[in-house]
Amino acid sequence: MSDLQAFFAQNVQAEITEEFVISDRFKDENGKPIPWKLRGMDEIENEEIRKSATKRKKVKGRGYVTEIDDEEYINKLMVASVVYPNLKDAELQKSYGVIGAGMLLKKMLLSGEYGELAEKVKEINGYDKDMEDLKDEAKN
């Protein structure tokens, strides 16, 4: 196989999935923590999520400007990345007294767990390096 063929769609790992224990609070019948299953997504899906979290805002003297609601974007990215548990399951949402997968995540997880999930979702989607790391790599 030539180097170029390594980039052909049929030769690339199709879907990145990873299991991750978010909390010891979710246990199976044997008392072992249950891992959540997360997946990576391509830029087309990410772009749709980003657009859905983008709002038009009227600014005096400048007309309308668009800006991304970072909290909404990360929440939607997390929802799209979580494969298991099924956050869209109506019974699961009902058990927490919420409607919607985004609200379910916020209700299910403690604030630190929510933040940890956000970091893991960023990592699995390729956002695990900050700008300083990227600058250092570019120098080498």
Protein backbone atom coordinates (compact mmCIF):
# COMPACT_ATOMS: atom_id res chain seq x y z
CA MET A 1 0.00 0.00 0.00
CA SER A 2 1.35 3.42 -0.93
CA ASP A 3 1.46 6.20 1.64
CA LEU A 4 -1.41 7.94 -0.10
CA GLN A 5 -3.64 4.88 0.12
CA ALA A 6 -3.42 5.05 3.90
CA PHE A 7 -5.67 8.13 3.64
CA PHE A 8 -8.36 6.42 1.54
CA ALA A 9 -11.69 6.15 3.36
CA GLN A 10 -11.68 2.33 3.34
CA ASN A 11 -8.24 2.29 5.03
CA VAL A 12 -9.00 4.71 7.86
CA GLN A 13 -10.35 3.67 11.24
CA ALA A 14 -14.02 4.39 10.65
CA GLU A 15 -15.25 5.22 14.13
CA ILE A 16 -13.35 6.01 17.27
CA THR A 17 -15.08 4.75 20.38
CA GLU A 18 -13.79 4.52 23.90
CA GLU A 19 -15.13 3.39 27.25
CA PHE A 20 -14.66 5.71 30.19
CA VAL A 21 -15.72 5.48 33.83
CA ILE A 22 -17.14 8.90 34.59
CA SER A 23 -18.21 8.12 38.13
CA ASP A 24 -18.10 5.36 40.70
CA ARG A 25 -21.71 6.24 41.48
CA PHE A 26 -23.06 4.21 38.54
CA LYS A 27 -22.50 0.55 39.44
CA ASP A 28 -23.51 -2.81 38.01
CA GLU A 29 -25.08 -5.62 40.07
CA ASN A 30 -21.60 -6.68 41.25
CA GLY A 31 -20.75 -3.21 42.53
CA LYS A 32 -18.30 -2.41 39.71
CA PRO A 33 -18.41 1.05 38.12
CA ILE A 34 -20.14 1.02 34.73
CA PRO A 35 -18.14 2.67 31.95
CA TRP A 36 -19.81 5.04 29.56
CA LYS A 37 -19.16 4.57 25.85
CA LEU A 38 -18.04 7.65 23.94
CA ARG A 39 -17.44 8.20 20.24
CA GLY A 40 -15.56 10.66 18.10
CA MET A 41 -17.21 12.52 15.24
CA ASP A 42 -16.17 14.04 11.96
CA GLU A 43 -16.06 17.75 11.26
CA ILE A 44 -19.34 17.72 9.32
CA GLU A 45 -21.24 16.60 12.42
CA ASN A 46 -19.24 18.98 14.62
CA GLU A 47 -20.08 21.85 12.28
CA GLU A 48 -23.80 21.10 12.59
CA ILE A 49 -23.51 21.12 16.38
CA ARG A 50 -21.54 24.38 16.33
CA LYS A 51 -24.14 26.01 14.05
CA SER A 52 -26.96 24.92 16.35
CA ALA A 53 -25.17 26.61 19.26
CA THR A 54 -24.55 29.83 17.33
CA LYS A 55 -26.82 32.75 18.02
CA ARG A 56 -27.37 36.10 16.33
CA LYS A 57 -27.14 38.99 18.72
CA LYS A 58 -27.99 42.62 18.09
CA VAL A 59 -25.16 44.94 19.08
CA LYS A 60 -25.81 48.67 19.24
CA GLY A 61 -24.04 50.47 16.42
CA ARG A 62 -22.84 47.24 14.77
CA GLY A 63 -26.07 45.53 13.77
CA TYR A 64 -26.16 41.78 14.27
CA VAL A 65 -23.17 39.63 15.18
CA THR A 66 -23.01 35.87 15.54
CA GLU A 67 -21.45 34.19 18.52
CA ILE A 68 -21.20 30.65 19.77
CA ASP A 69 -22.74 29.84 23.13
CA ASP A 70 -19.78 27.83 24.48
CA GLU A 71 -21.77 26.08 27.21
CA GLU A 72 -24.50 25.01 24.79
CA TYR A 73 -21.90 23.88 22.23
CA ILE A 74 -20.01 21.70 24.72
CA ASN A 75 -23.26 20.23 26.08
CA LYS A 76 -24.43 19.31 22.57
CA LEU A 77 -21.00 17.92 21.71
CA MET A 78 -21.14 15.76 24.84
CA VAL A 79 -24.65 14.50 24.04
CA ALA A 80 -23.60 13.59 20.49
CA SER A 81 -20.49 11.79 21.77
CA VAL A 82 -22.16 9.67 24.45
CA VAL A 83 -23.21 6.33 22.94
CA TYR A 84 -23.97 4.59 26.24
CA PRO A 85 -25.99 5.22 28.28
CA ASN A 86 -28.62 6.26 25.74
CA LEU A 87 -29.26 9.82 26.88
CA LYS A 88 -32.27 10.09 24.58
CA ASP A 89 -34.11 7.29 26.38
CA ALA A 90 -37.41 8.66 27.65
CA GLU A 91 -37.47 6.40 30.73
CA LEU A 92 -33.98 7.48 31.76
CA GLN A 93 -34.91 11.14 31.37
CA LYS A 94 -38.14 10.59 33.28
CA SER A 95 -36.25 8.93 36.16
CA TYR A 96 -34.32 12.20 36.62
CA GLY A 97 -37.37 14.39 36.03
CA VAL A 98 -36.00 16.11 32.92
CA ILE A 99 -36.78 16.33 29.24
CA GLY A 100 -33.92 16.29 26.77
CA ALA A 101 -30.52 14.63 26.64
CA GLY A 102 -28.63 17.84 27.42
CA MET A 103 -30.59 18.45 30.60
CA LEU A 104 -30.24 14.79 31.54
CA LEU A 105 -26.44 15.03 31.49
CA LYS A 106 -26.55 18.08 33.74
CA LYS A 107 -28.90 16.32 36.17
CA MET A 108 -27.13 12.92 36.18
CA LEU A 109 -23.61 14.15 36.80
CA LEU A 110 -22.02 16.10 39.61
CA SER A 111 -20.36 19.30 38.39
CA GLY A 112 -16.86 17.79 38.53
CA GLU A 113 -18.03 14.69 36.66
CA TYR A 114 -19.66 16.89 34.04
CA GLY A 115 -16.39 18.76 33.58
CA GLU A 116 -14.43 15.52 33.39
CA LEU A 117 -16.81 14.18 30.73
CA ALA A 118 -16.41 17.41 28.77
CA GLU A 119 -12.62 17.02 28.84
CA LYS A 120 -12.83 13.37 27.73
CA VAL A 121 -15.21 14.27 24.88
CA LYS A 122 -12.83 17.00 23.73
CA GLU A 123 -9.95 14.52 23.88
CA ILE A 124 -11.71 11.79 21.87
CA ASN A 125 -12.61 14.40 19.26
CA GLY A 126 -9.02 15.60 18.90
CA TYR A 127 -9.14 18.68 21.14
CA ASP A 128 -6.85 17.20 23.78
CA LYS A 129 -3.92 19.49 23.06
CA ASP A 130 -3.97 23.10 24.03
CA MET A 131 -2.47 25.82 21.84
CA GLU A 132 0.84 25.84 23.73
CA ASP A 133 1.30 22.10 23.07
CA LEU A 134 0.56 22.64 19.38
CA LYS A 135 3.02 25.54 19.18
CA ASP A 136 5.72 23.43 20.84
CA GLU A 137 5.09 20.57 18.41
CA ALA A 138 5.26 22.95 15.46
CA LYS A 139 8.65 24.22 16.62
CA ASN A 140 10.09 20.68 16.71
